[in-house]
Amino acid sequence: MNTFDGCCGSCEHMNTNDYSGSKHICKCTYRGQYYSLTEPKCSYYRYDSRKDYYDLNRRWYIVSAIFEKLGLPDSYDCVAKLQYFRENVLEKDPKYLSILTEYDIVGPKIAELLKNDKDSEKLCQRLIQVFLVRILDLIIENKNDEALNLYIEMVNLLKAIYEVDLEKDNLTRSK
């Protein structure tokens, strides 16, 4: 994982959902320009503790893997909406902490298996059609628990397909 402590990547002005060309070149909302996340801090730097060890690939591993497998751009609108959902809804409510913690363990493992599966293109297309489109609709409708539960259902399906065995058999559904 990258560390951006003392760099643009850990600044509250850095919009990590707005990047140009590379996931590590993002827009500074204060200066209105794009900078590398590892750029040394400037005089406008304001520390954001949530970004101390911030890695853009960490947030939605499986969705990023799906889009990568299908050759869709990383900046696809879906990823940005899901990042916003995680940062502004899920991470701000303590009831989602255990789910996010477990996802940060299982997500990278499933994403890697999905990317390395030479026959996963059709599966990725189905995941978009069956799950992701509906999840985004639910987020827009502010049905956060339903959106999260559907995402968990997708993750658990992938855990079964790829026989991912962790201490917990399933992610816990939100209440």
N, C-alpha and C. Protein backbone atom coordinates (compact mmCIF):
# COMPACT_ATOMS: atom_id res chain seq x y z
N MET A 1 0.84 -1.18 0.00
CA MET A 1 0.00 0.00 0.00
C MET A 1 0.89 1.24 0.00
N ASN A 2 0.46 2.25 -0.70
CA ASN A 2 1.22 3.50 -0.78
C ASN A 2 0.97 4.37 0.45
N THR A 3 1.96 5.12 0.83
CA THR A 3 1.76 6.10 1.88
C THR A 3 1.90 7.49 1.27
N PHE A 4 0.96 8.35 1.56
CA PHE A 4 0.97 9.70 1.03
C PHE A 4 1.03 10.71 2.17
N ASP A 5 1.52 10.30 3.33
CA ASP A 5 1.61 11.20 4.47
C ASP A 5 2.55 12.36 4.11
N GLY A 6 2.05 13.58 4.22
CA GLY A 6 2.85 14.75 3.90
C GLY A 6 2.89 15.09 2.42
N CYS A 7 2.12 14.36 1.62
CA CYS A 7 2.07 14.61 0.18
C CYS A 7 0.64 14.96 -0.21
N CYS A 8 0.47 15.36 -1.46
CA CYS A 8 -0.86 15.74 -1.96
C CYS A 8 -1.90 14.65 -1.69
N GLY A 9 -1.49 13.39 -1.73
CA GLY A 9 -2.44 12.29 -1.54
C GLY A 9 -3.09 12.24 -0.18
N SER A 10 -2.53 12.93 0.80
CA SER A 10 -3.14 12.94 2.14
C SER A 10 -3.76 14.30 2.47
N CYS A 11 -3.96 15.12 1.45
CA CYS A 11 -4.52 16.46 1.67
C CYS A 11 -6.02 16.46 1.44
N GLU A 12 -6.74 17.21 2.26
CA GLU A 12 -8.20 17.28 2.12
C GLU A 12 -8.62 17.95 0.81
N HIS A 13 -7.74 18.70 0.19
CA HIS A 13 -8.07 19.37 -1.07
C HIS A 13 -7.92 18.44 -2.28
N MET A 14 -7.29 17.27 -2.11
CA MET A 14 -7.06 16.37 -3.23
C MET A 14 -8.31 15.54 -3.48
N ASN A 15 -8.89 15.70 -4.67
CA ASN A 15 -10.08 14.94 -5.06
C ASN A 15 -9.62 13.69 -5.77
N THR A 16 -9.54 12.58 -5.05
CA THR A 16 -9.04 11.34 -5.61
C THR A 16 -10.05 10.65 -6.52
N ASN A 17 -11.25 11.20 -6.64
CA ASN A 17 -12.23 10.67 -7.59
C ASN A 17 -12.10 11.36 -8.94
N ASP A 18 -11.30 12.41 -9.04
CA ASP A 18 -11.11 13.16 -10.28
C ASP A 18 -9.65 13.05 -10.66
N TYR A 19 -9.35 12.08 -11.52
CA TYR A 19 -7.96 11.90 -11.91
C TYR A 19 -7.81 11.96 -13.42
N SER A 20 -6.61 12.24 -13.84
CA SER A 20 -6.33 12.48 -15.25
C SER A 20 -5.20 11.57 -15.71
N GLY A 21 -5.50 10.69 -16.65
CA GLY A 21 -4.48 9.83 -17.24
C GLY A 21 -4.03 8.69 -16.35
N SER A 22 -3.82 8.93 -15.11
CA SER A 22 -3.33 7.94 -14.17
C SER A 22 -4.08 8.10 -12.85
N LYS A 23 -4.28 7.00 -12.15
CA LYS A 23 -4.97 7.05 -10.86
C LYS A 23 -4.18 7.85 -9.83
N HIS A 24 -2.92 8.08 -10.12
CA HIS A 24 -2.08 8.78 -9.15
C HIS A 24 -1.88 10.25 -9.50
N ILE A 25 -2.61 10.73 -10.49
CA ILE A 25 -2.58 12.16 -10.82
C ILE A 25 -4.00 12.67 -10.68
N CYS A 26 -4.27 13.35 -9.58
CA CYS A 26 -5.63 13.74 -9.22
C CYS A 26 -5.74 15.26 -9.12
N LYS A 27 -6.99 15.74 -9.05
CA LYS A 27 -7.25 17.18 -9.06
C LYS A 27 -7.24 17.77 -7.66
N CYS A 28 -6.49 18.83 -7.51
CA CYS A 28 -6.49 19.62 -6.28
C CYS A 28 -7.65 20.60 -6.38
N THR A 29 -8.59 20.49 -5.48
CA THR A 29 -9.76 21.36 -5.53
C THR A 29 -9.42 22.79 -5.14
N TYR A 30 -8.34 22.98 -4.41
CA TYR A 30 -7.94 24.33 -4.01
C TYR A 30 -7.25 25.06 -5.15
N ARG A 31 -6.32 24.38 -5.82
CA ARG A 31 -5.54 25.01 -6.88
C ARG A 31 -6.17 24.84 -8.26
N GLY A 32 -7.11 23.89 -8.40
CA GLY A 32 -7.79 23.67 -9.67
C GLY A 32 -6.93 23.02 -10.73
N GLN A 33 -5.89 22.31 -10.32
CA GLN A 33 -4.98 21.64 -11.25
C GLN A 33 -4.76 20.20 -10.81
N TYR A 34 -4.21 19.38 -11.72
CA TYR A 34 -3.93 17.99 -11.42
C TYR A 34 -2.49 17.84 -10.93
N TYR A 35 -2.32 17.05 -9.87
CA TYR A 35 -1.01 16.81 -9.29
C TYR A 35 -0.87 15.32 -8.96
N SER A 36 0.37 14.88 -8.90
CA SER A 36 0.66 13.52 -8.46
C SER A 36 0.35 13.41 -6.98
N LEU A 37 -0.17 12.26 -6.56
CA LEU A 37 -0.47 12.05 -5.14
C LEU A 37 0.79 12.08 -4.29
N THR A 38 1.95 11.85 -4.91
CA THR A 38 3.20 11.85 -4.17
C THR A 38 3.92 13.20 -4.23
N GLU A 39 3.27 14.20 -4.82
CA GLU A 39 3.83 15.56 -4.88
C GLU A 39 4.01 16.07 -3.44
N PRO A 40 5.16 16.69 -3.14
CA PRO A 40 5.34 17.24 -1.78
C PRO A 40 4.27 18.28 -1.47
N LYS A 41 3.88 18.33 -0.22
CA LYS A 41 2.81 19.24 0.18
C LYS A 41 3.18 20.69 -0.10
N CYS A 42 2.15 21.48 -0.39
CA CYS A 42 2.33 22.90 -0.66
C CYS A 42 1.82 23.71 0.54
N SER A 43 1.82 25.01 0.43
CA SER A 43 1.39 25.86 1.55
C SER A 43 -0.11 25.78 1.80
N TYR A 44 -0.87 25.19 0.87
CA TYR A 44 -2.32 25.04 1.03
C TYR A 44 -2.70 23.67 1.60
N TYR A 45 -1.71 22.87 1.92
CA TYR A 45 -1.91 21.51 2.39
C TYR A 45 -2.70 21.48 3.70
N ARG A 46 -3.73 20.65 3.73
CA ARG A 46 -4.52 20.41 4.94
C ARG A 46 -4.66 18.91 5.10
N TYR A 47 -4.09 18.38 6.18
CA TYR A 47 -4.07 16.94 6.41
C TYR A 47 -5.47 16.34 6.55
N ASP A 48 -5.69 15.19 5.91
CA ASP A 48 -6.92 14.43 6.03
C ASP A 48 -6.54 13.04 6.55
N SER A 49 -6.88 12.73 7.79
CA SER A 49 -6.44 11.47 8.42
C SER A 49 -6.94 10.24 7.68
N ARG A 50 -8.05 10.34 6.97
CA ARG A 50 -8.56 9.19 6.22
C ARG A 50 -7.68 8.85 5.02
N LYS A 51 -6.83 9.76 4.62
CA LYS A 51 -6.01 9.54 3.43
C LYS A 51 -4.54 9.26 3.79
N ASP A 52 -4.25 9.01 5.04
CA ASP A 52 -2.87 8.80 5.46
C ASP A 52 -2.22 7.66 4.68
N TYR A 53 -2.91 6.56 4.52
CA TYR A 53 -2.43 5.45 3.72
C TYR A 53 -3.48 5.15 2.67
N TYR A 54 -3.57 6.04 1.73
CA TYR A 54 -4.65 6.01 0.75
C TYR A 54 -4.19 5.37 -0.55
N ASP A 55 -4.92 4.41 -1.00
CA ASP A 55 -4.60 3.74 -2.25
C ASP A 55 -5.88 3.67 -3.06
N LEU A 56 -5.89 4.29 -4.24
CA LEU A 56 -7.12 4.36 -5.04
C LEU A 56 -7.64 2.98 -5.44
N ASN A 57 -6.76 2.00 -5.58
CA ASN A 57 -7.21 0.67 -5.97
C ASN A 57 -7.90 -0.06 -4.82
N ARG A 58 -7.74 0.44 -3.60
CA ARG A 58 -8.26 -0.26 -2.43
C ARG A 58 -9.77 -0.20 -2.32
N ARG A 59 -10.39 0.83 -2.80
CA ARG A 59 -11.79 1.06 -2.52
C ARG A 59 -12.77 0.06 -3.12
N TRP A 60 -12.67 -0.20 -4.37
CA TRP A 60 -13.63 -1.09 -5.04
C TRP A 60 -12.86 -2.08 -5.90
N TYR A 61 -12.13 -2.96 -5.23
CA TYR A 61 -11.25 -3.90 -5.91
C TYR A 61 -11.97 -4.68 -7.00
N ILE A 62 -13.10 -5.26 -6.65
CA ILE A 62 -13.79 -6.16 -7.57
C ILE A 62 -14.34 -5.41 -8.77
N VAL A 63 -14.94 -4.26 -8.54
CA VAL A 63 -15.47 -3.46 -9.66
C VAL A 63 -14.33 -3.03 -10.57
N SER A 64 -13.23 -2.59 -10.00
CA SER A 64 -12.07 -2.21 -10.81
C SER A 64 -11.57 -3.40 -11.64
N ALA A 65 -11.56 -4.58 -11.03
CA ALA A 65 -11.13 -5.78 -11.75
C ALA A 65 -12.08 -6.11 -12.90
N ILE A 66 -13.37 -5.95 -12.67
CA ILE A 66 -14.37 -6.20 -13.72
C ILE A 66 -14.12 -5.28 -14.91
N PHE A 67 -13.97 -3.99 -14.63
CA PHE A 67 -13.77 -3.04 -15.72
C PHE A 67 -12.44 -3.26 -16.43
N GLU A 68 -11.41 -3.62 -15.65
CA GLU A 68 -10.11 -3.89 -16.26
C GLU A 68 -10.20 -5.11 -17.17
N LYS A 69 -10.90 -6.14 -16.71
CA LYS A 69 -11.04 -7.37 -17.50
C LYS A 69 -11.78 -7.11 -18.81
N LEU A 70 -12.75 -6.21 -18.77
CA LEU A 70 -13.54 -5.89 -19.97
C LEU A 70 -12.92 -4.77 -20.79
N GLY A 71 -11.80 -4.22 -20.33
CA GLY A 71 -11.14 -3.16 -21.07
C GLY A 71 -11.85 -1.83 -21.00
N LEU A 72 -12.66 -1.63 -19.97
CA LEU A 72 -13.36 -0.36 -19.79
C LEU A 72 -12.45 0.60 -19.04
N PRO A 73 -12.57 1.89 -19.29
CA PRO A 73 -11.69 2.86 -18.62
C PRO A 73 -11.86 2.84 -17.11
N ASP A 74 -10.76 3.04 -16.39
CA ASP A 74 -10.79 3.09 -14.93
C ASP A 74 -11.68 4.21 -14.43
N SER A 75 -11.78 5.28 -15.20
CA SER A 75 -12.57 6.42 -14.75
C SER A 75 -14.06 6.24 -15.04
N TYR A 76 -14.45 5.04 -15.39
CA TYR A 76 -15.85 4.74 -15.66
C TYR A 76 -16.72 5.29 -14.53
N ASP A 77 -17.81 5.89 -14.87
CA ASP A 77 -18.69 6.59 -13.92
C ASP A 77 -19.08 5.73 -12.72
N CYS A 78 -19.22 4.46 -12.91
CA CYS A 78 -19.63 3.55 -11.84
C CYS A 78 -18.63 3.58 -10.69
N VAL A 79 -17.35 3.51 -10.98
CA VAL A 79 -16.33 3.48 -9.93
C VAL A 79 -16.37 4.77 -9.12
N ALA A 80 -16.51 5.90 -9.81
CA ALA A 80 -16.57 7.18 -9.10
C ALA A 80 -17.78 7.25 -8.17
N LYS A 81 -18.93 6.76 -8.62
CA LYS A 81 -20.12 6.77 -7.77
C LYS A 81 -19.97 5.84 -6.58
N LEU A 82 -19.36 4.68 -6.80
CA LEU A 82 -19.14 3.74 -5.70
C LEU A 82 -18.12 4.30 -4.70
N GLN A 83 -17.09 4.98 -5.20
CA GLN A 83 -16.12 5.59 -4.29
C GLN A 83 -16.81 6.65 -3.44
N TYR A 84 -17.65 7.46 -4.06
CA TYR A 84 -18.39 8.49 -3.32
C TYR A 84 -19.29 7.83 -2.27
N PHE A 85 -19.96 6.75 -2.65
CA PHE A 85 -20.84 6.02 -1.74
C PHE A 85 -20.06 5.50 -0.53
N ARG A 86 -18.89 4.92 -0.79
CA ARG A 86 -18.10 4.39 0.32
C ARG A 86 -17.62 5.51 1.24
N GLU A 87 -17.04 6.55 0.65
CA GLU A 87 -16.44 7.62 1.46
C GLU A 87 -17.47 8.47 2.18
N ASN A 88 -18.61 8.71 1.57
CA ASN A 88 -19.57 9.66 2.13
C ASN A 88 -20.76 9.03 2.82
N VAL A 89 -20.93 7.73 2.68
CA VAL A 89 -22.03 7.03 3.35
C VAL A 89 -21.47 5.94 4.26
N LEU A 90 -20.80 4.97 3.68
CA LEU A 90 -20.38 3.79 4.44
C LEU A 90 -19.32 4.12 5.50
N GLU A 91 -18.29 4.87 5.11
CA GLU A 91 -17.21 5.15 6.06
C GLU A 91 -17.63 6.13 7.16
N LYS A 92 -18.72 6.82 6.97
CA LYS A 92 -19.17 7.79 7.98
C LYS A 92 -20.17 7.19 8.96
N ASP A 93 -20.54 5.94 8.77
CA ASP A 93 -21.50 5.29 9.66
C ASP A 93 -20.84 4.07 10.31
N PRO A 94 -20.67 4.08 11.62
CA PRO A 94 -19.97 2.98 12.31
C PRO A 94 -20.59 1.60 12.07
N LYS A 95 -21.86 1.54 11.74
CA LYS A 95 -22.48 0.22 11.55
C LYS A 95 -21.91 -0.53 10.35
N TYR A 96 -21.22 0.18 9.45
CA TYR A 96 -20.65 -0.46 8.26
C TYR A 96 -19.18 -0.83 8.43
N LEU A 97 -18.57 -0.49 9.54
CA LEU A 97 -17.14 -0.69 9.73
C LEU A 97 -16.71 -2.14 9.55
N SER A 98 -17.41 -3.08 10.16
CA SER A 98 -16.99 -4.49 10.05
C SER A 98 -17.12 -5.00 8.62
N ILE A 99 -18.13 -4.55 7.91
CA ILE A 99 -18.32 -4.96 6.52
C ILE A 99 -17.16 -4.43 5.67
N LEU A 100 -16.82 -3.17 5.86
CA LEU A 100 -15.74 -2.57 5.08
C LEU A 100 -14.40 -3.24 5.41
N THR A 101 -14.18 -3.54 6.67
CA THR A 101 -12.95 -4.19 7.07
C THR A 101 -12.82 -5.56 6.42
N GLU A 102 -13.89 -6.33 6.44
CA GLU A 102 -13.84 -7.65 5.82
C GLU A 102 -13.68 -7.54 4.30
N TYR A 103 -14.36 -6.58 3.70
CA TYR A 103 -14.24 -6.41 2.26
C TYR A 103 -12.80 -6.06 1.87
N ASP A 104 -12.12 -5.29 2.69
CA ASP A 104 -10.74 -4.93 2.39
C ASP A 104 -9.80 -6.13 2.48
N ILE A 105 -10.26 -7.22 3.06
CA ILE A 105 -9.50 -8.47 3.10
C ILE A 105 -9.87 -9.35 1.90
N VAL A 106 -11.15 -9.57 1.71
CA VAL A 106 -11.61 -10.50 0.67
C VAL A 106 -11.60 -9.88 -0.73
N GLY A 107 -11.86 -8.58 -0.83
CA GLY A 107 -11.94 -7.92 -2.14
C GLY A 107 -10.71 -8.09 -3.02
N PRO A 108 -9.51 -7.82 -2.50
CA PRO A 108 -8.32 -7.97 -3.34
C PRO A 108 -8.09 -9.41 -3.81
N LYS A 109 -8.43 -10.38 -2.95
CA LYS A 109 -8.24 -11.78 -3.33
C LYS A 109 -9.16 -12.16 -4.48
N ILE A 110 -10.41 -11.77 -4.38
CA ILE A 110 -11.37 -12.08 -5.44
C ILE A 110 -11.00 -11.33 -6.72
N ALA A 111 -10.63 -10.07 -6.58
CA ALA A 111 -10.26 -9.27 -7.75
C ALA A 111 -9.10 -9.91 -8.51
N GLU A 112 -8.11 -10.38 -7.78
CA GLU A 112 -6.95 -11.01 -8.42
C GLU A 112 -7.36 -12.30 -9.14
N LEU A 113 -8.20 -13.10 -8.51
CA LEU A 113 -8.68 -14.32 -9.15
C LEU A 113 -9.49 -14.01 -10.40
N LEU A 114 -10.33 -13.02 -10.32
CA LEU A 114 -11.17 -12.61 -11.44
C LEU A 114 -10.31 -12.12 -12.61
N LYS A 115 -9.31 -11.30 -12.31
CA LYS A 115 -8.43 -10.78 -13.37
C LYS A 115 -7.61 -11.89 -14.02
N ASN A 116 -7.21 -12.88 -13.24
CA ASN A 116 -6.37 -13.96 -13.77
C ASN A 116 -7.16 -15.08 -14.43
N ASP A 117 -8.47 -15.06 -14.32
CA ASP A 117 -9.32 -16.08 -14.92
C ASP A 117 -9.52 -15.75 -16.40
N LYS A 118 -8.92 -16.57 -17.27
CA LYS A 118 -8.98 -16.26 -18.71
C LYS A 118 -10.39 -16.38 -19.28
N ASP A 119 -11.29 -17.00 -18.56
CA ASP A 119 -12.66 -17.19 -19.05
C ASP A 119 -13.69 -16.33 -18.32
N SER A 120 -13.27 -15.23 -17.70
CA SER A 120 -14.19 -14.47 -16.85
C SER A 120 -14.91 -13.31 -17.55
N GLU A 121 -14.69 -13.10 -18.84
CA GLU A 121 -15.33 -11.96 -19.51
C GLU A 121 -16.85 -12.02 -19.43
N LYS A 122 -17.41 -13.18 -19.71
CA LYS A 122 -18.88 -13.31 -19.67
C LYS A 122 -19.40 -13.12 -18.25
N LEU A 123 -18.68 -13.64 -17.28
CA LEU A 123 -19.06 -13.45 -15.88
C LEU A 123 -19.05 -11.96 -15.54
N CYS A 124 -18.02 -11.25 -15.96
CA CYS A 124 -17.93 -9.81 -15.69
C CYS A 124 -19.10 -9.06 -16.32
N GLN A 125 -19.46 -9.41 -17.53
CA GLN A 125 -20.60 -8.77 -18.19
C GLN A 125 -21.89 -9.01 -17.41
N ARG A 126 -22.07 -10.24 -16.94
CA ARG A 126 -23.26 -10.58 -16.15
C ARG A 126 -23.28 -9.83 -14.82
N LEU A 127 -22.13 -9.68 -14.19
CA LEU A 127 -22.06 -8.97 -12.91
C LEU A 127 -22.50 -7.52 -13.09
N ILE A 128 -22.10 -6.92 -14.19
CA ILE A 128 -22.54 -5.55 -14.46
C ILE A 128 -24.04 -5.51 -14.66
N GLN A 129 -24.56 -6.40 -15.49
CA GLN A 129 -26.00 -6.41 -15.81
C GLN A 129 -26.86 -6.75 -14.61
N VAL A 130 -26.48 -7.78 -13.88
CA VAL A 130 -27.32 -8.29 -12.79
C VAL A 130 -27.14 -7.52 -11.50
N PHE A 131 -25.94 -7.08 -11.21
CA PHE A 131 -25.67 -6.46 -9.91
C PHE A 131 -25.38 -4.96 -9.99
N LEU A 132 -24.36 -4.59 -10.73
CA LEU A 132 -23.87 -3.21 -10.64
C LEU A 132 -24.88 -2.16 -11.10
N VAL A 133 -25.61 -2.44 -12.14
CA VAL A 133 -26.62 -1.48 -12.60
C VAL A 133 -27.65 -1.25 -11.51
N ARG A 134 -28.12 -2.30 -10.88
CA ARG A 134 -29.12 -2.19 -9.82
C ARG A 134 -28.53 -1.52 -8.57
N ILE A 135 -27.29 -1.85 -8.24
CA ILE A 135 -26.64 -1.23 -7.07
C ILE A 135 -26.58 0.28 -7.25
N LEU A 136 -26.19 0.74 -8.42
CA LEU A 136 -26.13 2.18 -8.68
C LEU A 136 -27.50 2.82 -8.59
N ASP A 137 -28.52 2.13 -9.10
CA ASP A 137 -29.90 2.65 -8.99
C ASP A 137 -30.30 2.81 -7.53
N LEU A 138 -29.96 1.82 -6.71
CA LEU A 138 -30.29 1.87 -5.28
C LEU A 138 -29.55 3.00 -4.57
N ILE A 139 -28.31 3.23 -4.95
CA ILE A 139 -27.53 4.32 -4.35
C ILE A 139 -28.19 5.65 -4.69
N ILE A 140 -28.58 5.82 -5.94
CA ILE A 140 -29.23 7.05 -6.38
C ILE A 140 -30.54 7.26 -5.63
N GLU A 141 -31.25 6.16 -5.33
CA GLU A 141 -32.52 6.23 -4.60
C GLU A 141 -32.31 6.34 -3.09
N ASN A 142 -31.06 6.46 -2.64
CA ASN A 142 -30.70 6.52 -1.22
C ASN A 142 -31.14 5.29 -0.44
N LYS A 143 -31.16 4.17 -1.09
CA LYS A 143 -31.46 2.89 -0.43
C LYS A 143 -30.12 2.21 -0.14
N ASN A 144 -29.41 2.80 0.81
CA ASN A 144 -28.02 2.41 1.07
C ASN A 144 -27.87 0.98 1.56
N ASP A 145 -28.70 0.56 2.50
CA ASP A 145 -28.59 -0.81 3.00
C ASP A 145 -28.88 -1.82 1.90
N GLU A 146 -29.88 -1.54 1.09
CA GLU A 146 -30.21 -2.45 -0.02
C GLU A 146 -29.07 -2.51 -1.04
N ALA A 147 -28.47 -1.36 -1.35
CA ALA A 147 -27.34 -1.33 -2.28
C ALA A 147 -26.18 -2.14 -1.73
N LEU A 148 -25.88 -1.94 -0.45
CA LEU A 148 -24.77 -2.66 0.17
C LEU A 148 -25.06 -4.16 0.22
N ASN A 149 -26.28 -4.53 0.57
CA ASN A 149 -26.63 -5.95 0.63
C ASN A 149 -26.53 -6.62 -0.74
N LEU A 150 -26.89 -5.91 -1.79
CA LEU A 150 -26.77 -6.47 -3.14
C LEU A 150 -25.29 -6.63 -3.51
N TYR A 151 -24.47 -5.66 -3.11
CA TYR A 151 -23.03 -5.77 -3.37
C TYR A 151 -22.46 -6.97 -2.61
N ILE A 152 -22.89 -7.15 -1.36
CA ILE A 152 -22.45 -8.29 -0.56
C ILE A 152 -22.87 -9.59 -1.23
N GLU A 153 -24.07 -9.62 -1.77
CA GLU A 153 -24.55 -10.82 -2.48
C GLU A 153 -23.62 -11.13 -3.67
N MET A 154 -23.22 -10.11 -4.40
CA MET A 154 -22.31 -10.30 -5.53
C MET A 154 -20.96 -10.83 -5.04
N VAL A 155 -20.43 -10.26 -3.96
CA VAL A 155 -19.16 -10.70 -3.41
C VAL A 155 -19.25 -12.16 -2.97
N ASN A 156 -20.34 -12.52 -2.29
CA ASN A 156 -20.49 -13.89 -1.82
C ASN A 156 -20.63 -14.87 -2.98
N LEU A 157 -21.27 -14.45 -4.07
CA LEU A 157 -21.34 -15.28 -5.28
C LEU A 157 -19.94 -15.53 -5.82
N LEU A 158 -19.14 -14.48 -5.88
CA LEU A 158 -17.77 -14.62 -6.38
C LEU A 158 -16.91 -15.45 -5.43
N LYS A 159 -17.16 -15.33 -4.13
CA LYS A 159 -16.44 -16.18 -3.17
C LYS A 159 -16.75 -17.65 -3.44
N ALA A 160 -17.99 -17.94 -3.76
CA ALA A 160 -18.37 -19.33 -4.05
C ALA A 160 -17.76 -19.80 -5.37
N ILE A 161 -17.84 -18.98 -6.40
CA ILE A 161 -17.30 -19.35 -7.71
C ILE A 161 -15.81 -19.63 -7.63
N TYR A 162 -15.08 -18.76 -6.94
CA TYR A 162 -13.63 -18.89 -6.87
C TYR A 162 -13.16 -19.63 -5.63
N GLU A 163 -14.10 -20.19 -4.86
CA GLU A 163 -13.81 -20.99 -3.68
C GLU A 163 -12.85 -20.27 -2.72
N VAL A 164 -13.18 -19.01 -2.46
CA VAL A 164 -12.40 -18.21 -1.52
C VAL A 164 -12.85 -18.62 -0.12
N ASP A 165 -11.93 -19.14 0.66
CA ASP A 165 -12.25 -19.63 1.99
C ASP A 165 -11.58 -18.73 3.02
N LEU A 166 -12.37 -17.97 3.74
CA LEU A 166 -11.87 -17.13 4.81
C LEU A 166 -12.50 -17.58 6.11
N GLU A 167 -12.12 -16.97 7.20
CA GLU A 167 -12.68 -17.34 8.50
C GLU A 167 -14.19 -17.20 8.51
N LYS A 168 -14.69 -16.15 7.89
CA LYS A 168 -16.13 -15.97 7.79
C LYS A 168 -16.57 -16.47 6.42
N ASP A 169 -17.66 -17.21 6.36
CA ASP A 169 -18.13 -17.72 5.08
C ASP A 169 -18.76 -16.62 4.24
N ASN A 170 -19.40 -15.67 4.86
CA ASN A 170 -20.09 -14.61 4.13
C ASN A 170 -19.87 -13.28 4.80
N LEU A 171 -19.92 -12.23 4.01
CA LEU A 171 -19.94 -10.89 4.60
C LEU A 171 -21.23 -10.74 5.38
N THR A 172 -21.20 -10.02 6.45
CA THR A 172 -22.38 -9.81 7.25
C THR A 172 -23.25 -8.75 6.59
N ARG A 173 -24.52 -9.02 6.48
CA ARG A 173 -25.44 -8.04 5.89
C ARG A 173 -25.69 -6.91 6.86
N SER A 174 -25.87 -5.71 6.31
CA SER A 174 -26.17 -4.57 7.17
C SER A 174 -27.60 -4.70 7.68
N LYS A 175 -27.85 -4.11 8.81
CA LYS A 175 -29.18 -4.22 9.41
C LYS A 175 -30.04 -3.06 9.05
